[in-house]
Amino acid sequence: FQSLVADGTLPPGYATDDGAGLLYRGTE
């Protein structure tokens, strides 16, 4: 994941360990 963000294959983003989640309102 880090290498794909570093080389531009993927845009910057967010990652979760097992048991974690990311709450977005709209795109924030």
mmCIF file of all heavy atoms, coordinates in Angstrom:
data_MODEL
# 
_entry.id   MODEL 
# 
loop_
_atom_site.group_PDB 
_atom_site.id 
_atom_site.type_symbol 
_atom_site.label_atom_id 
_atom_site.label_alt_id 
_atom_site.label_comp_id 
_atom_site.label_asym_id 
_atom_site.label_entity_id 
_atom_site.label_seq_id 
_atom_site.pdbx_PDB_ins_code 
_atom_site.Cartn_x 
_atom_site.Cartn_y 
_atom_site.Cartn_z 
_atom_site.occupancy 
_atom_site.B_iso_or_equiv 
_atom_site.pdbx_formal_charge 
_atom_site.auth_seq_id 
_atom_site.auth_comp_id 
_atom_site.auth_asym_id 
_atom_site.auth_atom_id 
_atom_site.pdbx_PDB_model_num 
ATOM 1   N N   . PHE A 1 1  ? 0.833   -1.198 0.000  1.00 0.00 ? 1  PHE A N   1 
ATOM 2   C CA  . PHE A 1 1  ? 0.000   0.000  0.000  1.00 0.00 ? 1  PHE A CA  1 
ATOM 3   C C   . PHE A 1 1  ? 0.867   1.248  0.000  1.00 0.00 ? 1  PHE A C   1 
ATOM 4   O O   . PHE A 1 1  ? 0.637   2.186  -0.783 1.00 0.00 ? 1  PHE A O   1 
ATOM 5   C CB  . PHE A 1 1  ? -0.923  -0.017 1.224  1.00 0.00 ? 1  PHE A CB  1 
ATOM 6   C CG  . PHE A 1 1  ? -1.935  1.096  1.241  1.00 0.00 ? 1  PHE A CG  1 
ATOM 7   C CD1 . PHE A 1 1  ? -2.933  1.170  0.291  1.00 0.00 ? 1  PHE A CD1 1 
ATOM 8   C CD2 . PHE A 1 1  ? -1.905  2.079  2.224  1.00 0.00 ? 1  PHE A CD2 1 
ATOM 9   C CE1 . PHE A 1 1  ? -3.873  2.188  0.308  1.00 0.00 ? 1  PHE A CE1 1 
ATOM 10  C CE2 . PHE A 1 1  ? -2.840  3.095  2.259  1.00 0.00 ? 1  PHE A CE2 1 
ATOM 11  C CZ  . PHE A 1 1  ? -3.824  3.150  1.293  1.00 0.00 ? 1  PHE A CZ  1 
ATOM 12  N N   . GLN A 1 2  ? 1.889   1.264  0.828  1.00 0.00 ? 2  GLN A N   1 
ATOM 13  C CA  . GLN A 1 2  ? 2.771   2.422  0.871  1.00 0.00 ? 2  GLN A CA  1 
ATOM 14  C C   . GLN A 1 2  ? 3.503   2.627  -0.454 1.00 0.00 ? 2  GLN A C   1 
ATOM 15  O O   . GLN A 1 2  ? 3.639   3.762  -0.926 1.00 0.00 ? 2  GLN A O   1 
ATOM 16  C CB  . GLN A 1 2  ? 3.762   2.270  2.019  1.00 0.00 ? 2  GLN A CB  1 
ATOM 17  C CG  . GLN A 1 2  ? 3.118   2.368  3.388  1.00 0.00 ? 2  GLN A CG  1 
ATOM 18  C CD  . GLN A 1 2  ? 4.130   2.393  4.516  1.00 0.00 ? 2  GLN A CD  1 
ATOM 19  O OE1 . GLN A 1 2  ? 5.320   2.548  4.308  1.00 0.00 ? 2  GLN A OE1 1 
ATOM 20  N NE2 . GLN A 1 2  ? 3.654   2.236  5.740  1.00 0.00 ? 2  GLN A NE2 1 
ATOM 21  N N   . SER A 1 3  ? 3.975   1.560  -1.072 1.00 0.00 ? 3  SER A N   1 
ATOM 22  C CA  . SER A 1 3  ? 4.707   1.710  -2.333 1.00 0.00 ? 3  SER A CA  1 
ATOM 23  C C   . SER A 1 3  ? 3.799   2.195  -3.458 1.00 0.00 ? 3  SER A C   1 
ATOM 24  O O   . SER A 1 3  ? 4.227   2.973  -4.318 1.00 0.00 ? 3  SER A O   1 
ATOM 25  C CB  . SER A 1 3  ? 5.387   0.395  -2.719 1.00 0.00 ? 3  SER A CB  1 
ATOM 26  O OG  . SER A 1 3  ? 4.442   -0.589 -3.101 1.00 0.00 ? 3  SER A OG  1 
ATOM 27  N N   . LEU A 1 4  ? 2.536   1.775  -3.449 1.00 0.00 ? 4  LEU A N   1 
ATOM 28  C CA  . LEU A 1 4  ? 1.597   2.208  -4.486 1.00 0.00 ? 4  LEU A CA  1 
ATOM 29  C C   . LEU A 1 4  ? 1.231   3.676  -4.332 1.00 0.00 ? 4  LEU A C   1 
ATOM 30  O O   . LEU A 1 4  ? 1.016   4.380  -5.328 1.00 0.00 ? 4  LEU A O   1 
ATOM 31  C CB  . LEU A 1 4  ? 0.345   1.334  -4.438 1.00 0.00 ? 4  LEU A CB  1 
ATOM 32  C CG  . LEU A 1 4  ? 0.546   -0.134 -4.827 1.00 0.00 ? 4  LEU A CG  1 
ATOM 33  C CD1 . LEU A 1 4  ? -0.711  -0.943 -4.520 1.00 0.00 ? 4  LEU A CD1 1 
ATOM 34  C CD2 . LEU A 1 4  ? 0.917   -0.269 -6.298 1.00 0.00 ? 4  LEU A CD2 1 
ATOM 35  N N   . VAL A 1 5  ? 1.148   4.129  -3.094 1.00 0.00 ? 5  VAL A N   1 
ATOM 36  C CA  . VAL A 1 5  ? 0.932   5.570  -2.878 1.00 0.00 ? 5  VAL A CA  1 
ATOM 37  C C   . VAL A 1 5  ? 2.189   6.345  -3.246 1.00 0.00 ? 5  VAL A C   1 
ATOM 38  O O   . VAL A 1 5  ? 2.122   7.407  -3.895 1.00 0.00 ? 5  VAL A O   1 
ATOM 39  C CB  . VAL A 1 5  ? 0.517   5.840  -1.421 1.00 0.00 ? 5  VAL A CB  1 
ATOM 40  C CG1 . VAL A 1 5  ? 0.499   7.342  -1.123 1.00 0.00 ? 5  VAL A CG1 1 
ATOM 41  C CG2 . VAL A 1 5  ? -0.859  5.232  -1.131 1.00 0.00 ? 5  VAL A CG2 1 
ATOM 42  N N   . ALA A 1 6  ? 3.340   5.821  -2.886 1.00 0.00 ? 6  ALA A N   1 
ATOM 43  C CA  . ALA A 1 6  ? 4.600   6.515  -3.160 1.00 0.00 ? 6  ALA A CA  1 
ATOM 44  C C   . ALA A 1 6  ? 4.840   6.698  -4.652 1.00 0.00 ? 6  ALA A C   1 
ATOM 45  O O   . ALA A 1 6  ? 5.331   7.750  -5.090 1.00 0.00 ? 6  ALA A O   1 
ATOM 46  C CB  . ALA A 1 6  ? 5.765   5.746  -2.528 1.00 0.00 ? 6  ALA A CB  1 
ATOM 47  N N   . ASP A 1 7  ? 4.506   5.685  -5.453 1.00 0.00 ? 7  ASP A N   1 
ATOM 48  C CA  . ASP A 1 7  ? 4.801   5.796  -6.902 1.00 0.00 ? 7  ASP A CA  1 
ATOM 49  C C   . ASP A 1 7  ? 3.640   6.367  -7.711 1.00 0.00 ? 7  ASP A C   1 
ATOM 50  O O   . ASP A 1 7  ? 3.708   6.462  -8.934 1.00 0.00 ? 7  ASP A O   1 
ATOM 51  C CB  . ASP A 1 7  ? 5.249   4.444  -7.476 1.00 0.00 ? 7  ASP A CB  1 
ATOM 52  C CG  . ASP A 1 7  ? 4.151   3.383  -7.517 1.00 0.00 ? 7  ASP A CG  1 
ATOM 53  O OD1 . ASP A 1 7  ? 2.962   3.718  -7.393 1.00 0.00 ? 7  ASP A OD1 1 
ATOM 54  O OD2 . ASP A 1 7  ? 4.506   2.193  -7.691 1.00 0.00 ? 7  ASP A OD2 1 
ATOM 55  N N   . GLY A 1 8  ? 2.556   6.740  -7.039 1.00 0.00 ? 8  GLY A N   1 
ATOM 56  C CA  . GLY A 1 8  ? 1.439   7.390  -7.708 1.00 0.00 ? 8  GLY A CA  1 
ATOM 57  C C   . GLY A 1 8  ? 0.428   6.448  -8.326 1.00 0.00 ? 8  GLY A C   1 
ATOM 58  O O   . GLY A 1 8  ? -0.538  6.901  -8.945 1.00 0.00 ? 8  GLY A O   1 
ATOM 59  N N   . THR A 1 9  ? 0.610   5.132  -8.161 1.00 0.00 ? 9  THR A N   1 
ATOM 60  C CA  . THR A 1 9  ? -0.392  4.195  -8.661 1.00 0.00 ? 9  THR A CA  1 
ATOM 61  C C   . THR A 1 9  ? -1.726  4.417  -7.966 1.00 0.00 ? 9  THR A C   1 
ATOM 62  O O   . THR A 1 9  ? -2.792  4.325  -8.586 1.00 0.00 ? 9  THR A O   1 
ATOM 63  C CB  . THR A 1 9  ? 0.075   2.742  -8.454 1.00 0.00 ? 9  THR A CB  1 
ATOM 64  O OG1 . THR A 1 9  ? 1.309   2.544  -9.146 1.00 0.00 ? 9  THR A OG1 1 
ATOM 65  C CG2 . THR A 1 9  ? -0.950  1.742  -8.962 1.00 0.00 ? 9  THR A CG2 1 
ATOM 66  N N   . LEU A 1 10 ? -1.663  4.708  -6.681 1.00 0.00 ? 10 LEU A N   1 
ATOM 67  C CA  . LEU A 1 10 ? -2.844  5.041  -5.898 1.00 0.00 ? 10 LEU A CA  1 
ATOM 68  C C   . LEU A 1 10 ? -2.694  6.447  -5.334 1.00 0.00 ? 10 LEU A C   1 
ATOM 69  O O   . LEU A 1 10 ? -1.576  6.879  -5.030 1.00 0.00 ? 10 LEU A O   1 
ATOM 70  C CB  . LEU A 1 10 ? -3.014  4.066  -4.732 1.00 0.00 ? 10 LEU A CB  1 
ATOM 71  C CG  . LEU A 1 10 ? -3.403  2.628  -5.063 1.00 0.00 ? 10 LEU A CG  1 
ATOM 72  C CD1 . LEU A 1 10 ? -3.352  1.760  -3.813 1.00 0.00 ? 10 LEU A CD1 1 
ATOM 73  C CD2 . LEU A 1 10 ? -4.803  2.565  -5.683 1.00 0.00 ? 10 LEU A CD2 1 
ATOM 74  N N   . PRO A 1 11 ? -3.812  7.151  -5.147 1.00 0.00 ? 11 PRO A N   1 
ATOM 75  C CA  . PRO A 1 11 ? -3.746  8.448  -4.485 1.00 0.00 ? 11 PRO A CA  1 
ATOM 76  C C   . PRO A 1 11 ? -3.496  8.261  -2.993 1.00 0.00 ? 11 PRO A C   1 
ATOM 77  O O   . PRO A 1 11 ? -3.647  7.155  -2.463 1.00 0.00 ? 11 PRO A O   1 
ATOM 78  C CB  . PRO A 1 11 ? -5.120  9.047  -4.743 1.00 0.00 ? 11 PRO A CB  1 
ATOM 79  C CG  . PRO A 1 11 ? -6.025  7.867  -4.849 1.00 0.00 ? 11 PRO A CG  1 
ATOM 80  C CD  . PRO A 1 11 ? -5.203  6.791  -5.527 1.00 0.00 ? 11 PRO A CD  1 
ATOM 81  N N   . PRO A 1 12 ? -3.118  9.315  -2.289 1.00 0.00 ? 12 PRO A N   1 
ATOM 82  C CA  . PRO A 1 12 ? -3.032  9.219  -0.831 1.00 0.00 ? 12 PRO A CA  1 
ATOM 83  C C   . PRO A 1 12 ? -4.342  8.700  -0.243 1.00 0.00 ? 12 PRO A C   1 
ATOM 84  O O   . PRO A 1 12 ? -5.417  8.858  -0.845 1.00 0.00 ? 12 PRO A O   1 
ATOM 85  C CB  . PRO A 1 12 ? -2.759  10.659 -0.401 1.00 0.00 ? 12 PRO A CB  1 
ATOM 86  C CG  . PRO A 1 12 ? -2.087  11.275 -1.587 1.00 0.00 ? 12 PRO A CG  1 
ATOM 87  C CD  . PRO A 1 12 ? -2.739  10.650 -2.784 1.00 0.00 ? 12 PRO A CD  1 
ATOM 88  N N   . GLY A 1 13 ? -4.239  8.056  0.916  1.00 0.00 ? 13 GLY A N   1 
ATOM 89  C CA  . GLY A 1 13 ? -5.450  7.490  1.483  1.00 0.00 ? 13 GLY A CA  1 
ATOM 90  C C   . GLY A 1 13 ? -5.298  7.087  2.921  1.00 0.00 ? 13 GLY A C   1 
ATOM 91  O O   . GLY A 1 13 ? -4.451  7.628  3.657  1.00 0.00 ? 13 GLY A O   1 
ATOM 92  N N   . TYR A 1 14 ? -6.123  6.118  3.316  1.00 0.00 ? 14 TYR A N   1 
ATOM 93  C CA  . TYR A 1 14 ? -6.227  5.711  4.706  1.00 0.00 ? 14 TYR A CA  1 
ATOM 94  C C   . TYR A 1 14 ? -6.239  4.184  4.802  1.00 0.00 ? 14 TYR A C   1 
ATOM 95  O O   . TYR A 1 14 ? -6.731  3.494  3.904  1.00 0.00 ? 14 TYR A O   1 
ATOM 96  C CB  . TYR A 1 14 ? -7.509  6.266  5.325  1.00 0.00 ? 14 TYR A CB  1 
ATOM 97  C CG  . TYR A 1 14 ? -7.591  7.769  5.265  1.00 0.00 ? 14 TYR A CG  1 
ATOM 98  C CD1 . TYR A 1 14 ? -8.327  8.408  4.271  1.00 0.00 ? 14 TYR A CD1 1 
ATOM 99  C CD2 . TYR A 1 14 ? -6.925  8.560  6.198  1.00 0.00 ? 14 TYR A CD2 1 
ATOM 100 C CE1 . TYR A 1 14 ? -8.395  9.795  4.217  1.00 0.00 ? 14 TYR A CE1 1 
ATOM 101 C CE2 . TYR A 1 14 ? -6.990  9.943  6.144  1.00 0.00 ? 14 TYR A CE2 1 
ATOM 102 C CZ  . TYR A 1 14 ? -7.727  10.557 5.147  1.00 0.00 ? 14 TYR A CZ  1 
ATOM 103 O OH  . TYR A 1 14 ? -7.795  11.935 5.085  1.00 0.00 ? 14 TYR A OH  1 
ATOM 104 N N   . ALA A 1 15 ? -5.711  3.678  5.909  1.00 0.00 ? 15 ALA A N   1 
ATOM 105 C CA  . ALA A 1 15 ? -5.610  2.241  6.120  1.00 0.00 ? 15 ALA A CA  1 
ATOM 106 C C   . ALA A 1 15 ? -6.133  1.885  7.503  1.00 0.00 ? 15 ALA A C   1 
ATOM 107 O O   . ALA A 1 15 ? -6.077  2.699  8.431  1.00 0.00 ? 15 ALA A O   1 
ATOM 108 C CB  . ALA A 1 15 ? -4.165  1.782  5.966  1.00 0.00 ? 15 ALA A CB  1 
ATOM 109 N N   . THR A 1 16 ? -6.610  0.634  7.631  1.00 0.00 ? 16 THR A N   1 
ATOM 110 C CA  . THR A 1 16 ? -7.170  0.168  8.897  1.00 0.00 ? 16 THR A CA  1 
ATOM 111 C C   . THR A 1 16 ? -6.604  -1.194 9.267  1.00 0.00 ? 16 THR A C   1 
ATOM 112 O O   . THR A 1 16 ? -6.512  -2.100 8.443  1.00 0.00 ? 16 THR A O   1 
ATOM 113 C CB  . THR A 1 16 ? -8.704  0.034  8.817  1.00 0.00 ? 16 THR A CB  1 
ATOM 114 O OG1 . THR A 1 16 ? -9.078  -0.695 7.640  1.00 0.00 ? 16 THR A OG1 1 
ATOM 115 C CG2 . THR A 1 16 ? -9.360  1.401  8.797  1.00 0.00 ? 16 THR A CG2 1 
ATOM 116 N N   . ASP A 1 17 ? -6.225  -1.324 10.536 1.00 0.00 ? 17 ASP A N   1 
ATOM 117 C CA  . ASP A 1 17 ? -5.945  -2.638 11.105 1.00 0.00 ? 17 ASP A CA  1 
ATOM 118 C C   . ASP A 1 17 ? -7.259  -3.403 11.243 1.00 0.00 ? 17 ASP A C   1 
ATOM 119 O O   . ASP A 1 17 ? -8.354  -2.826 11.215 1.00 0.00 ? 17 ASP A O   1 
ATOM 120 C CB  . ASP A 1 17 ? -5.321  -2.501 12.496 1.00 0.00 ? 17 ASP A CB  1 
ATOM 121 C CG  . ASP A 1 17 ? -3.917  -1.925 12.482 1.00 0.00 ? 17 ASP A CG  1 
ATOM 122 O OD1 . ASP A 1 17 ? -3.270  -1.930 11.413 1.00 0.00 ? 17 ASP A OD1 1 
ATOM 123 O OD2 . ASP A 1 17 ? -3.470  -1.465 13.568 1.00 0.00 ? 17 ASP A OD2 1 
ATOM 124 N N   . ASP A 1 18 ? -7.154  -4.725 11.439 1.00 0.00 ? 18 ASP A N   1 
ATOM 125 C CA  . ASP A 1 18 ? -8.352  -5.512 11.692 1.00 0.00 ? 18 ASP A CA  1 
ATOM 126 C C   . ASP A 1 18 ? -9.051  -5.002 12.956 1.00 0.00 ? 18 ASP A C   1 
ATOM 127 O O   . ASP A 1 18 ? -8.421  -4.833 14.003 1.00 0.00 ? 18 ASP A O   1 
ATOM 128 C CB  . ASP A 1 18 ? -7.993  -6.983 11.870 1.00 0.00 ? 18 ASP A CB  1 
ATOM 129 C CG  . ASP A 1 18 ? -7.694  -7.674 10.552 1.00 0.00 ? 18 ASP A CG  1 
ATOM 130 O OD1 . ASP A 1 18 ? -7.778  -7.008 9.492  1.00 0.00 ? 18 ASP A OD1 1 
ATOM 131 O OD2 . ASP A 1 18 ? -7.369  -8.870 10.573 1.00 0.00 ? 18 ASP A OD2 1 
ATOM 132 N N   . GLY A 1 19 ? -10.344 -4.720 12.804 1.00 0.00 ? 19 GLY A N   1 
ATOM 133 C CA  . GLY A 1 19 ? -11.119 -4.201 13.925 1.00 0.00 ? 19 GLY A CA  1 
ATOM 134 C C   . GLY A 1 19 ? -11.260 -2.696 13.927 1.00 0.00 ? 19 GLY A C   1 
ATOM 135 O O   . GLY A 1 19 ? -11.883 -2.148 14.839 1.00 0.00 ? 19 GLY A O   1 
ATOM 136 N N   . ALA A 1 20 ? -10.724 -2.022 12.920 1.00 0.00 ? 20 ALA A N   1 
ATOM 137 C CA  . ALA A 1 20 ? -10.818 -0.555 12.844 1.00 0.00 ? 20 ALA A CA  1 
ATOM 138 C C   . ALA A 1 20 ? -11.653 -0.140 11.635 1.00 0.00 ? 20 ALA A C   1 
ATOM 139 O O   . ALA A 1 20 ? -11.839 -0.905 10.679 1.00 0.00 ? 20 ALA A O   1 
ATOM 140 C CB  . ALA A 1 20 ? -9.435  0.078  12.765 1.00 0.00 ? 20 ALA A CB  1 
ATOM 141 N N   . GLY A 1 21 ? -12.163 1.091  11.688 1.00 0.00 ? 21 GLY A N   1 
ATOM 142 C CA  . GLY A 1 21 ? -12.980 1.619  10.604 1.00 0.00 ? 21 GLY A CA  1 
ATOM 143 C C   . GLY A 1 21 ? -12.766 3.109  10.425 1.00 0.00 ? 21 GLY A C   1 
ATOM 144 O O   . GLY A 1 21 ? -12.247 3.797  11.312 1.00 0.00 ? 21 GLY A O   1 
ATOM 145 N N   . LEU A 1 22 ? -13.193 3.594  9.280  1.00 0.00 ? 22 LEU A N   1 
ATOM 146 C CA  . LEU A 1 22 ? -13.044 4.995  8.887  1.00 0.00 ? 22 LEU A CA  1 
ATOM 147 C C   . LEU A 1 22 ? -14.428 5.570  8.597  1.00 0.00 ? 22 LEU A C   1 
ATOM 148 O O   . LEU A 1 22 ? -15.149 5.055  7.727  1.00 0.00 ? 22 LEU A O   1 
ATOM 149 C CB  . LEU A 1 22 ? -12.176 5.107  7.632  1.00 0.00 ? 22 LEU A CB  1 
ATOM 150 C CG  . LEU A 1 22 ? -10.783 4.487  7.731  1.00 0.00 ? 22 LEU A CG  1 
ATOM 151 C CD1 . LEU A 1 22 ? -10.198 4.266  6.331  1.00 0.00 ? 22 LEU A CD1 1 
ATOM 152 C CD2 . LEU A 1 22 ? -9.865  5.367  8.573  1.00 0.00 ? 22 LEU A CD2 1 
ATOM 153 N N   . LEU A 1 23 ? -14.804 6.610  9.313  1.00 0.00 ? 23 LEU A N   1 
ATOM 154 C CA  . LEU A 1 23 ? -16.110 7.232  9.138  1.00 0.00 ? 23 LEU A CA  1 
ATOM 155 C C   . LEU A 1 23 ? -15.966 8.483  8.288  1.00 0.00 ? 23 LEU A C   1 
ATOM 156 O O   . LEU A 1 23 ? -15.235 9.407  8.647  1.00 0.00 ? 23 LEU A O   1 
ATOM 157 C CB  . LEU A 1 23 ? -16.729 7.574  10.490 1.00 0.00 ? 23 LEU A CB  1 
ATOM 158 C CG  . LEU A 1 23 ? -18.059 8.333  10.443 1.00 0.00 ? 23 LEU A CG  1 
ATOM 159 C CD1 . LEU A 1 23 ? -19.126 7.528  9.715  1.00 0.00 ? 23 LEU A CD1 1 
ATOM 160 C CD2 . LEU A 1 23 ? -18.518 8.692  11.857 1.00 0.00 ? 23 LEU A CD2 1 
ATOM 161 N N   . TYR A 1 24 ? -16.675 8.497  7.174  1.00 0.00 ? 24 TYR A N   1 
ATOM 162 C CA  . TYR A 1 24 ? -16.682 9.640  6.264  1.00 0.00 ? 24 TYR A CA  1 
ATOM 163 C C   . TYR A 1 24 ? -18.072 10.261 6.240  1.00 0.00 ? 24 TYR A C   1 
ATOM 164 O O   . TYR A 1 24 ? -19.092 9.554  6.141  1.00 0.00 ? 24 TYR A O   1 
ATOM 165 C CB  . TYR A 1 24 ? -16.355 9.211  4.837  1.00 0.00 ? 24 TYR A CB  1 
ATOM 166 C CG  . TYR A 1 24 ? -15.005 8.559  4.636  1.00 0.00 ? 24 TYR A CG  1 
ATOM 167 C CD1 . TYR A 1 24 ? -14.869 7.180  4.727  1.00 0.00 ? 24 TYR A CD1 1 
ATOM 168 C CD2 . TYR A 1 24 ? -13.881 9.306  4.295  1.00 0.00 ? 24 TYR A CD2 1 
ATOM 169 C CE1 . TYR A 1 24 ? -13.649 6.559  4.505  1.00 0.00 ? 24 TYR A CE1 1 
ATOM 170 C CE2 . TYR A 1 24 ? -12.649 8.697  4.070  1.00 0.00 ? 24 TYR A CE2 1 
ATOM 171 C CZ  . TYR A 1 24 ? -12.541 7.330  4.174  1.00 0.00 ? 24 TYR A CZ  1 
ATOM 172 O OH  . TYR A 1 24 ? -11.341 6.704  3.946  1.00 0.00 ? 24 TYR A OH  1 
ATOM 173 N N   . ARG A 1 25 ? -18.104 11.594 6.299  1.00 0.00 ? 25 ARG A N   1 
ATOM 174 C CA  . ARG A 1 25 ? -19.319 12.358 6.038  1.00 0.00 ? 25 ARG A CA  1 
ATOM 175 C C   . ARG A 1 25 ? -19.079 13.113 4.738  1.00 0.00 ? 25 ARG A C   1 
ATOM 176 O O   . ARG A 1 25 ? -18.153 13.921 4.661  1.00 0.00 ? 25 ARG A O   1 
ATOM 177 C CB  . ARG A 1 25 ? -19.613 13.325 7.175  1.00 0.00 ? 25 ARG A CB  1 
ATOM 178 C CG  . ARG A 1 25 ? -19.943 12.636 8.495  1.00 0.00 ? 25 ARG A CG  1 
ATOM 179 C CD  . ARG A 1 25 ? -21.307 11.970 8.484  1.00 0.00 ? 25 ARG A CD  1 
ATOM 180 N NE  . ARG A 1 25 ? -21.799 11.729 9.831  1.00 0.00 ? 25 ARG A NE  1 
ATOM 181 C CZ  . ARG A 1 25 ? -23.059 11.423 10.122 1.00 0.00 ? 25 ARG A CZ  1 
ATOM 182 N NH1 . ARG A 1 25 ? -23.945 11.331 9.158  1.00 0.00 ? 25 ARG A NH1 1 
ATOM 183 N NH2 . ARG A 1 25 ? -23.420 11.204 11.373 1.00 0.00 ? 25 ARG A NH2 1 
ATOM 184 N N   . GLY A 1 26 ? -19.906 12.864 3.741  1.00 0.00 ? 26 GLY A N   1 
ATOM 185 C CA  . GLY A 1 26 ? -19.537 13.333 2.410  1.00 0.00 ? 26 GLY A CA  1 
ATOM 186 C C   . GLY A 1 26 ? -18.230 12.655 2.034  1.00 0.00 ? 26 GLY A C   1 
ATOM 187 O O   . GLY A 1 26 ? -18.066 11.446 2.190  1.00 0.00 ? 26 GLY A O   1 
ATOM 188 N N   . THR A 1 27 ? -17.271 13.434 1.572  1.00 0.00 ? 27 THR A N   1 
ATOM 189 C CA  . THR A 1 27 ? -15.965 12.867 1.231  1.00 0.00 ? 27 THR A CA  1 
ATOM 190 C C   . THR A 1 27 ? -14.898 13.204 2.271  1.00 0.00 ? 27 THR A C   1 
ATOM 191 O O   . THR A 1 27 ? -13.713 12.979 2.037  1.00 0.00 ? 27 THR A O   1 
ATOM 192 C CB  . THR A 1 27 ? -15.510 13.365 -0.148 1.00 0.00 ? 27 THR A CB  1 
ATOM 193 O OG1 . THR A 1 27 ? -15.425 14.796 -0.147 1.00 0.00 ? 27 THR A OG1 1 
ATOM 194 C CG2 . THR A 1 27 ? -16.473 12.916 -1.239 1.00 0.00 ? 27 THR A CG2 1 
ATOM 195 N N   . GLU A 1 28 ? -15.310 13.694 3.431  1.00 0.00 ? 28 GLU A N   1 
ATOM 196 C CA  . GLU A 1 28 ? -14.352 14.066 4.473  1.00 0.00 ? 28 GLU A CA  1 
ATOM 197 C C   . GLU A 1 28 ? -14.265 12.971 5.532  1.00 0.00 ? 28 GLU A C   1 
ATOM 198 O O   . GLU A 1 28 ? -15.285 12.510 6.064  1.00 0.00 ? 28 GLU A O   1 
ATOM 199 C CB  . GLU A 1 28 ? -14.782 15.370 5.138  1.00 0.00 ? 28 GLU A CB  1 
ATOM 200 C CG  . GLU A 1 28 ? -13.841 15.825 6.248  1.00 0.00 ? 28 GLU A CG  1 
ATOM 201 C CD  . GLU A 1 28 ? -14.324 17.072 6.968  1.00 0.00 ? 28 GLU A CD  1 
ATOM 202 O OE1 . GLU A 1 28 ? -15.372 17.624 6.570  1.00 0.00 ? 28 GLU A OE1 1 
ATOM 203 O OE2 . GLU A 1 28 ? -13.654 17.492 7.937  1.00 0.00 ? 28 GLU A OE2 1 
# 
